[in-house]
Amino acid sequence: MSRRQSVNGSDPSSASRGFGARAHSGELPAATPNLAAAWAAGVPASLSAALAEVLSAVRSRRPLVHQLAGPVSLPDTANAILAFGGAPVMALAPEEVAEVAGQADALVLNLGMLESDRLQAMRLAGQAASRVGVPIVLDPVGVGTTAFRAAAAEALLSQLLVSVVRGNAGEIVHLARLGSPVRPEGWRTVRGVDTAAQLAAAEASAAAAAEGVLPPAAESASWLARRYGLCVAATGPRDVVATASQLAIVENGTALLTQISGSGCIASALVGCCLGAGAEPFLAALTALVALGLAGEQAANEAAGPGTFRAALLDALAALTPQALAAGARVRLASLTRSG
């Protein structure tokens, strides 16, 4: 079996190339997620089984995940990949990144601590991956903080065959607005890599979940997915995974994930693991976020605080079984309808 053969037996390189159409309308299409059909039905057995199958594939295939990122999160993401069942490589030199990316099973481009040389290495690695069908994850860290990061994120999205964009809710909302003439109030209000709007929405999110209300980033994620023809994963108190025609809300997780640096970067790395094991983008993102949420819940039960939580999280990722993943997943599925 080829290392790039998908979980369901198809060739993922062709699926990855299918995400190459880049439609830049410049306007926000009208789309309203409709939750009535599947919101209260629980996780379908077929989805639970598929999540378990992806984790089993990660463990059996040990995908090679090439990461390009800043030094802050690399130890955490490398160890998380190992605990989850993958194999990390962090080649950064422009002289070798294309060769390494072309041999990897997945490529993760992380804009943390972005600088010009690292951005050039990302372009070279991404071009090589795109040529041979290696799936790419883009993590637009802090995309709302500077024009440099915003331009870098847009360029990588436009020039490369990105399979999944994984960012926090504020980053996804901002990224969706970059190419649009719509500039909502507060869109440039940032604090670190989080937007003020996201921080305010987080407090209300738990109450909204009980009422079946979508997380604030859902509309932006689904629009961004349609604009670039890819999968978007927005993490927050409730995670959103969206494609042009699919939407899921992941309710696994713990507030302690927000109290350690690099938890979002770990999420992106795990998405890379699942893509590298052959999962299609929507299922890869879902599996990664459910797994991280479940592991976080387990670690929170054992940790005394953020310091011990970080170590316990790695243990929980390593101990997570496909059966536990399927049994513990809390995912809500929705259909998308467009108005007009």
Protein backbone atom coordinates (compact mmCIF):
# COMPACT_ATOMS: atom_id res chain seq x y z
CA MET A 1 0.00 0.00 0.00
CA SER A 2 1.37 3.41 -0.97
CA ARG A 3 2.10 5.77 1.92
CA ARG A 4 -0.15 8.28 0.16
CA GLN A 5 -3.04 5.93 -0.44
CA SER A 6 -6.11 7.29 1.28
CA VAL A 7 -7.99 5.65 4.13
CA ASN A 8 -10.81 4.70 1.81
CA GLY A 9 -8.45 3.41 -0.87
CA SER A 10 -8.51 6.35 -3.29
CA ASP A 11 -5.45 8.34 -4.31
CA PRO A 12 -5.27 11.43 -2.09
CA SER A 13 -2.91 13.22 -4.44
CA SER A 14 -5.76 13.67 -6.89
CA ALA A 15 -8.02 14.88 -4.08
CA SER A 16 -5.35 17.31 -2.96
CA ARG A 17 -4.98 18.68 -6.45
CA GLY A 18 -8.74 19.13 -6.57
CA PHE A 19 -8.36 21.95 -4.07
CA GLY A 20 -6.34 23.99 -6.53
CA ALA A 21 -9.12 26.19 -7.95
CA ARG A 22 -8.81 29.60 -6.35
CA ALA A 23 -11.94 31.71 -6.79
CA HIS A 24 -11.50 35.28 -5.54
CA SER A 25 -14.92 36.88 -5.65
CA GLY A 26 -14.01 39.70 -3.25
CA GLU A 27 -17.48 39.59 -1.74
CA LEU A 28 -18.96 37.59 1.10
CA PRO A 29 -21.50 35.17 -0.42
CA ALA A 30 -24.77 34.88 1.44
CA ALA A 31 -24.85 31.55 3.24
CA THR A 32 -26.75 30.53 6.34
CA PRO A 33 -25.96 27.24 8.10
CA ASN A 34 -29.14 25.29 8.80
CA LEU A 35 -28.91 23.05 11.87
CA ALA A 36 -32.39 21.62 11.97
CA ALA A 37 -31.72 18.37 10.10
CA ALA A 38 -28.91 16.78 12.13
CA TRP A 39 -28.29 18.97 15.16
CA ALA A 40 -29.90 16.83 17.82
CA ALA A 41 -29.20 13.38 16.40
CA GLY A 42 -25.80 12.81 18.04
CA VAL A 43 -22.71 11.49 16.30
CA PRO A 44 -23.65 9.07 13.49
CA ALA A 45 -22.14 5.61 13.91
CA SER A 46 -20.56 5.89 10.47
CA LEU A 47 -18.72 9.07 11.51
CA SER A 48 -17.50 7.55 14.78
CA ALA A 49 -16.18 4.57 12.85
CA ALA A 50 -14.47 6.84 10.33
CA LEU A 51 -12.73 8.81 13.09
CA ALA A 52 -11.45 5.58 14.59
CA GLU A 53 -10.27 4.40 11.18
CA VAL A 54 -8.21 7.55 10.66
CA LEU A 55 -6.47 7.20 14.02
CA SER A 56 -5.77 3.54 13.27
CA ALA A 57 -4.24 4.58 9.95
CA VAL A 58 -2.01 7.15 11.67
CA ARG A 59 -0.75 4.52 14.09
CA SER A 60 -0.12 1.90 11.42
CA ARG A 61 1.37 4.14 8.71
CA ARG A 62 3.36 6.57 10.92
CA PRO A 63 3.13 9.44 8.42
CA LEU A 64 6.12 11.71 7.95
CA VAL A 65 5.01 15.28 8.72
CA HIS A 66 7.26 18.11 7.55
CA GLN A 67 6.80 21.23 9.68
CA LEU A 68 8.01 24.74 8.95
CA ALA A 69 7.42 26.93 11.98
CA GLY A 70 9.08 29.23 14.49
CA PRO A 71 11.10 27.83 17.41
CA VAL A 72 8.48 28.56 20.08
CA SER A 73 6.12 25.71 19.24
CA LEU A 74 8.37 23.22 17.43
CA PRO A 75 9.26 21.05 20.47
CA ASP A 76 5.59 20.80 21.45
CA THR A 77 4.38 19.98 17.95
CA ALA A 78 7.16 17.48 17.29
CA ASN A 79 6.42 15.64 20.54
CA ALA A 80 2.68 15.74 19.85
CA ILE A 81 3.20 14.20 16.40
CA LEU A 82 5.30 11.43 17.96
CA ALA A 83 2.72 10.80 20.71
CA PHE A 84 -0.11 10.70 18.18
CA GLY A 85 1.71 8.17 16.01
CA GLY A 86 3.43 10.21 13.32
CA ALA A 87 7.03 11.09 12.55
CA PRO A 88 8.10 14.77 12.53
CA VAL A 89 10.78 16.44 10.44
CA MET A 90 11.63 20.14 10.75
CA ALA A 91 13.94 20.88 7.80
CA LEU A 92 14.10 24.63 7.23
CA ALA A 93 17.10 25.38 5.00
CA PRO A 94 16.03 26.69 1.57
CA GLU A 95 18.58 24.33 0.02
CA GLU A 96 16.68 21.24 1.19
CA VAL A 97 13.07 22.10 2.04
CA ALA A 98 11.73 21.27 -1.42
CA GLU A 99 13.40 17.86 -1.40
CA VAL A 100 12.16 17.03 2.09
CA ALA A 101 8.62 18.27 1.43
CA GLY A 102 8.40 16.18 -1.73
CA GLN A 103 9.24 13.05 0.26
CA ALA A 104 6.92 13.78 3.20
CA ASP A 105 3.36 12.55 3.71
CA ALA A 106 2.13 15.99 4.77
CA LEU A 107 3.45 19.54 5.03
CA VAL A 108 2.50 21.98 7.81
CA LEU A 109 3.24 25.69 7.23
CA ASN A 110 3.01 27.69 10.47
CA LEU A 111 3.32 31.49 10.38
CA GLY A 112 4.48 31.78 14.00
CA MET A 113 7.57 34.04 14.36
CA LEU A 114 7.42 34.68 10.62
CA GLU A 115 10.46 36.17 8.86
CA SER A 116 11.40 36.62 5.22
CA ASP A 117 13.78 33.66 4.98
CA ARG A 118 11.28 31.30 6.60
CA LEU A 119 8.51 32.56 4.31
CA GLN A 120 10.69 31.84 1.27
CA ALA A 121 11.36 28.34 2.59
CA MET A 122 7.61 27.85 2.98
CA ARG A 123 7.05 28.86 -0.64
CA LEU A 124 9.70 26.42 -1.88
CA ALA A 125 8.41 23.56 0.27
CA GLY A 126 4.80 24.30 -0.63
CA GLN A 127 5.51 24.39 -4.34
CA ALA A 128 7.30 21.05 -4.16
CA ALA A 129 4.46 19.51 -2.14
CA SER A 130 1.85 20.88 -4.54
CA ARG A 131 3.65 19.38 -7.53
CA VAL A 132 3.56 15.83 -6.16
CA GLY A 133 0.25 15.93 -4.27
CA VAL A 134 1.54 16.10 -0.69
CA PRO A 135 -1.31 17.64 1.37
CA ILE A 136 -0.58 21.02 2.97
CA VAL A 137 -1.87 22.52 6.23
CA LEU A 138 -1.61 26.30 6.64
CA ASP A 139 -1.68 27.75 10.16
CA PRO A 140 -2.09 31.56 9.78
CA VAL A 141 -0.75 32.44 13.23
CA GLY A 142 -1.43 36.07 14.12
CA VAL A 143 -2.73 36.88 10.65
CA GLY A 144 -4.59 39.91 11.99
CA THR A 145 -1.59 41.52 13.69
CA THR A 146 0.45 42.88 10.76
CA ALA A 147 0.19 43.54 7.04
CA PHE A 148 3.24 41.29 6.50
CA ARG A 149 1.48 38.25 7.94
CA ALA A 150 -1.74 39.02 6.12
CA ALA A 151 0.06 39.30 2.77
CA ALA A 152 2.00 36.10 3.47
CA ALA A 153 -1.14 34.12 4.29
CA GLU A 154 -2.96 35.35 1.18
CA ALA A 155 0.03 34.61 -1.04
CA LEU A 156 0.45 31.06 0.27
CA LEU A 157 -3.26 30.37 -0.12
CA SER A 158 -3.25 31.68 -3.67
CA GLN A 159 -0.03 30.04 -4.84
CA LEU A 160 -0.15 26.63 -3.15
CA LEU A 161 -2.57 23.69 -3.12
CA VAL A 162 -3.51 23.99 0.54
CA SER A 163 -5.78 21.22 1.81
CA VAL A 164 -6.63 22.57 5.28
CA VAL A 165 -6.40 25.99 6.92
CA ARG A 166 -6.33 25.63 10.71
CA GLY A 167 -6.43 28.75 12.86
CA ASN A 168 -8.15 30.06 15.94
CA ALA A 169 -11.55 31.63 15.51
CA GLY A 170 -10.21 35.17 15.37
CA GLU A 171 -7.61 34.31 12.76
CA ILE A 172 -10.19 32.59 10.55
CA VAL A 173 -12.59 35.53 10.81
CA HIS A 174 -9.80 37.93 9.89
CA LEU A 175 -8.52 35.77 7.03
CA ALA A 176 -12.01 35.61 5.56
CA ARG A 177 -12.23 39.41 5.54
CA LEU A 178 -8.88 40.15 3.89
CA GLY A 179 -10.13 39.91 0.33
CA SER A 180 -13.51 41.45 1.01
CA PRO A 181 -14.53 45.13 0.91
CA VAL A 182 -16.53 44.44 4.09
CA ARG A 183 -14.66 45.73 7.15
CA PRO A 184 -16.72 45.07 10.27
CA GLU A 185 -16.11 47.22 13.32
CA GLY A 186 -13.16 45.98 15.37
CA TRP A 187 -11.69 43.80 12.62
CA ARG A 188 -8.16 45.09 13.33
CA THR A 189 -8.50 44.93 17.10
CA VAL A 190 -5.99 42.24 18.09
CA ARG A 191 -4.30 40.99 21.23
CA GLY A 192 -1.47 38.59 20.53
CA VAL A 193 -2.82 35.97 18.14
CA ASP A 194 -6.40 36.35 19.36
CA THR A 195 -8.92 38.99 18.38
CA ALA A 196 -10.82 40.90 21.03
CA ALA A 197 -14.05 39.75 19.40
CA GLN A 198 -13.05 36.10 19.82
CA LEU A 199 -12.23 36.59 23.48
CA ALA A 200 -15.61 38.21 24.09
CA ALA A 201 -17.43 35.51 22.14
CA ALA A 202 -15.73 32.72 24.08
CA GLU A 203 -17.57 33.58 27.29
CA ALA A 204 -20.96 33.38 25.57
CA SER A 205 -20.12 30.27 23.57
CA ALA A 206 -21.00 27.69 26.21
CA ALA A 207 -24.48 29.15 26.69
CA ALA A 208 -24.94 29.36 22.92
CA ALA A 209 -24.08 25.68 22.55
CA ALA A 210 -27.04 24.67 24.68
CA GLU A 211 -29.34 26.63 22.39
CA GLY A 212 -27.96 25.16 19.16
CA VAL A 213 -26.35 28.43 18.06
CA LEU A 214 -23.33 28.25 15.76
CA PRO A 215 -19.94 29.52 16.97
CA PRO A 216 -19.15 33.02 15.65
CA ALA A 217 -16.45 31.72 13.26
CA ALA A 218 -18.76 29.28 11.43
CA GLU A 219 -19.88 31.70 8.74
CA SER A 220 -16.35 32.93 8.07
CA ALA A 221 -15.00 29.37 7.96
CA SER A 222 -17.59 28.18 5.48
CA TRP A 223 -17.11 31.24 3.28
CA LEU A 224 -13.32 30.88 3.33
CA ALA A 225 -13.70 27.20 2.43
CA ARG A 226 -15.77 28.13 -0.62
CA ARG A 227 -13.49 30.96 -1.65
CA TYR A 228 -10.37 28.82 -1.79
CA GLY A 229 -11.90 25.38 -2.35
CA LEU A 230 -10.44 23.74 0.77
CA CYS A 231 -11.24 22.72 4.34
CA VAL A 232 -11.15 25.25 7.18
CA ALA A 233 -10.79 24.37 10.86
CA ALA A 234 -11.41 27.18 13.37
CA THR A 235 -10.56 26.29 16.96
CA GLY A 236 -12.10 27.88 20.01
CA PRO A 237 -14.44 26.97 22.89
CA ARG A 238 -16.25 24.97 20.18
CA ASP A 239 -14.31 24.08 17.07
CA VAL A 240 -15.64 24.52 13.53
CA VAL A 241 -14.70 22.35 10.54
CA ALA A 242 -16.07 23.48 7.19
CA THR A 243 -15.83 22.78 3.49
CA ALA A 244 -17.89 24.26 0.67
CA SER A 245 -20.69 21.81 1.45
CA GLN A 246 -20.02 20.46 4.96
CA LEU A 247 -20.04 21.90 8.45
CA ALA A 248 -19.29 20.26 11.78
CA ILE A 249 -18.96 21.57 15.32
CA VAL A 250 -16.56 19.78 17.69
CA GLU A 251 -17.50 20.16 21.34
CA ASN A 252 -14.61 18.20 22.88
CA GLY A 253 -11.96 20.20 24.73
CA THR A 254 -10.95 22.01 27.91
CA ALA A 255 -10.13 25.58 28.87
CA LEU A 256 -6.62 24.45 29.88
CA LEU A 257 -5.75 24.17 26.19
CA THR A 258 -5.88 27.99 26.09
CA GLN A 259 -3.45 28.28 29.03
CA ILE A 260 -0.44 26.71 27.32
CA SER A 261 1.44 28.10 24.33
CA GLY A 262 1.35 26.08 21.14
CA SER A 263 -1.93 24.22 21.59
CA GLY A 264 -3.23 25.59 18.28
CA CYS A 265 0.04 24.65 16.60
CA ILE A 266 -0.39 21.13 17.98
CA ALA A 267 -3.87 21.02 16.43
CA SER A 268 -2.40 21.91 13.03
CA ALA A 269 0.32 19.28 13.42
CA LEU A 270 -2.26 16.60 14.22
CA VAL A 271 -4.27 17.59 11.15
CA GLY A 272 -1.07 17.01 9.19
CA CYS A 273 -0.74 13.54 10.73
CA CYS A 274 -4.26 12.60 9.68
CA LEU A 275 -3.82 13.96 6.15
CA GLY A 276 -0.52 12.13 5.87
CA ALA A 277 -2.22 8.89 6.85
CA GLY A 278 -4.56 9.26 3.86
CA ALA A 279 -7.68 10.89 5.33
CA GLU A 280 -9.55 13.37 3.17
CA PRO A 281 -9.33 16.95 4.53
CA PHE A 282 -12.71 17.24 6.29
CA LEU A 283 -12.29 13.92 8.09
CA ALA A 284 -8.63 14.63 8.85
CA ALA A 285 -9.46 17.94 10.52
CA LEU A 286 -12.37 16.43 12.46
CA THR A 287 -10.28 13.52 13.71
CA ALA A 288 -7.42 15.77 14.81
CA LEU A 289 -9.63 18.22 16.70
CA VAL A 290 -11.70 15.53 18.40
CA ALA A 291 -8.51 13.70 19.40
CA LEU A 292 -6.88 16.83 20.82
CA GLY A 293 -10.08 17.76 22.64
CA LEU A 294 -10.46 14.31 24.17
CA ALA A 295 -6.80 14.16 25.16
CA GLY A 296 -7.15 17.62 26.69
CA GLU A 297 -10.14 16.51 28.74
CA GLN A 298 -8.25 13.49 30.04
CA ALA A 299 -5.15 15.55 30.83
CA ALA A 300 -7.22 18.18 32.64
CA ASN A 301 -8.55 15.51 34.97
CA GLU A 302 -5.01 14.65 36.03
CA ALA A 303 -3.23 18.01 35.94
CA ALA A 304 -2.70 20.44 38.81
CA GLY A 305 -2.30 23.36 36.43
CA PRO A 306 -0.93 24.41 33.04
CA GLY A 307 2.56 23.01 33.68
CA THR A 308 1.49 19.49 34.51
CA PHE A 309 -1.27 19.72 31.91
CA ARG A 310 1.29 20.10 29.11
CA ALA A 311 3.00 16.84 30.05
CA ALA A 312 -0.29 15.04 30.70
CA LEU A 313 -1.54 16.09 27.26
CA LEU A 314 1.26 14.20 25.53
CA ASP A 315 0.55 11.13 27.65
CA ALA A 316 -3.14 11.32 26.81
CA LEU A 317 -2.47 11.66 23.09
CA ALA A 318 -0.24 8.60 23.19
CA ALA A 319 -2.77 6.60 25.20
CA LEU A 320 -5.78 7.52 23.05
CA THR A 321 -7.19 4.48 21.27
CA PRO A 322 -9.37 4.42 18.16
CA GLN A 323 -12.17 2.93 20.26
CA ALA A 324 -11.94 5.70 22.87
CA LEU A 325 -11.90 8.31 20.10
CA ALA A 326 -15.07 6.93 18.56
CA ALA A 327 -16.84 6.63 21.92
CA GLY A 328 -15.86 10.06 23.21
CA ALA A 329 -16.41 12.19 20.11
CA ARG A 330 -18.89 15.03 20.54
CA VAL A 331 -19.58 16.33 17.05
CA ARG A 332 -22.62 18.15 15.66
CA LEU A 333 -23.21 18.02 11.92
CA ALA A 334 -25.07 20.68 9.98
CA SER A 335 -26.13 21.27 6.39
CA LEU A 336 -25.43 24.52 4.56
CA THR A 337 -28.09 26.46 2.69
CA ARG A 338 -27.50 29.63 0.71
CA SER A 339 -29.94 32.48 0.68
CA GLY A 340 -30.79 34.33 -2.46
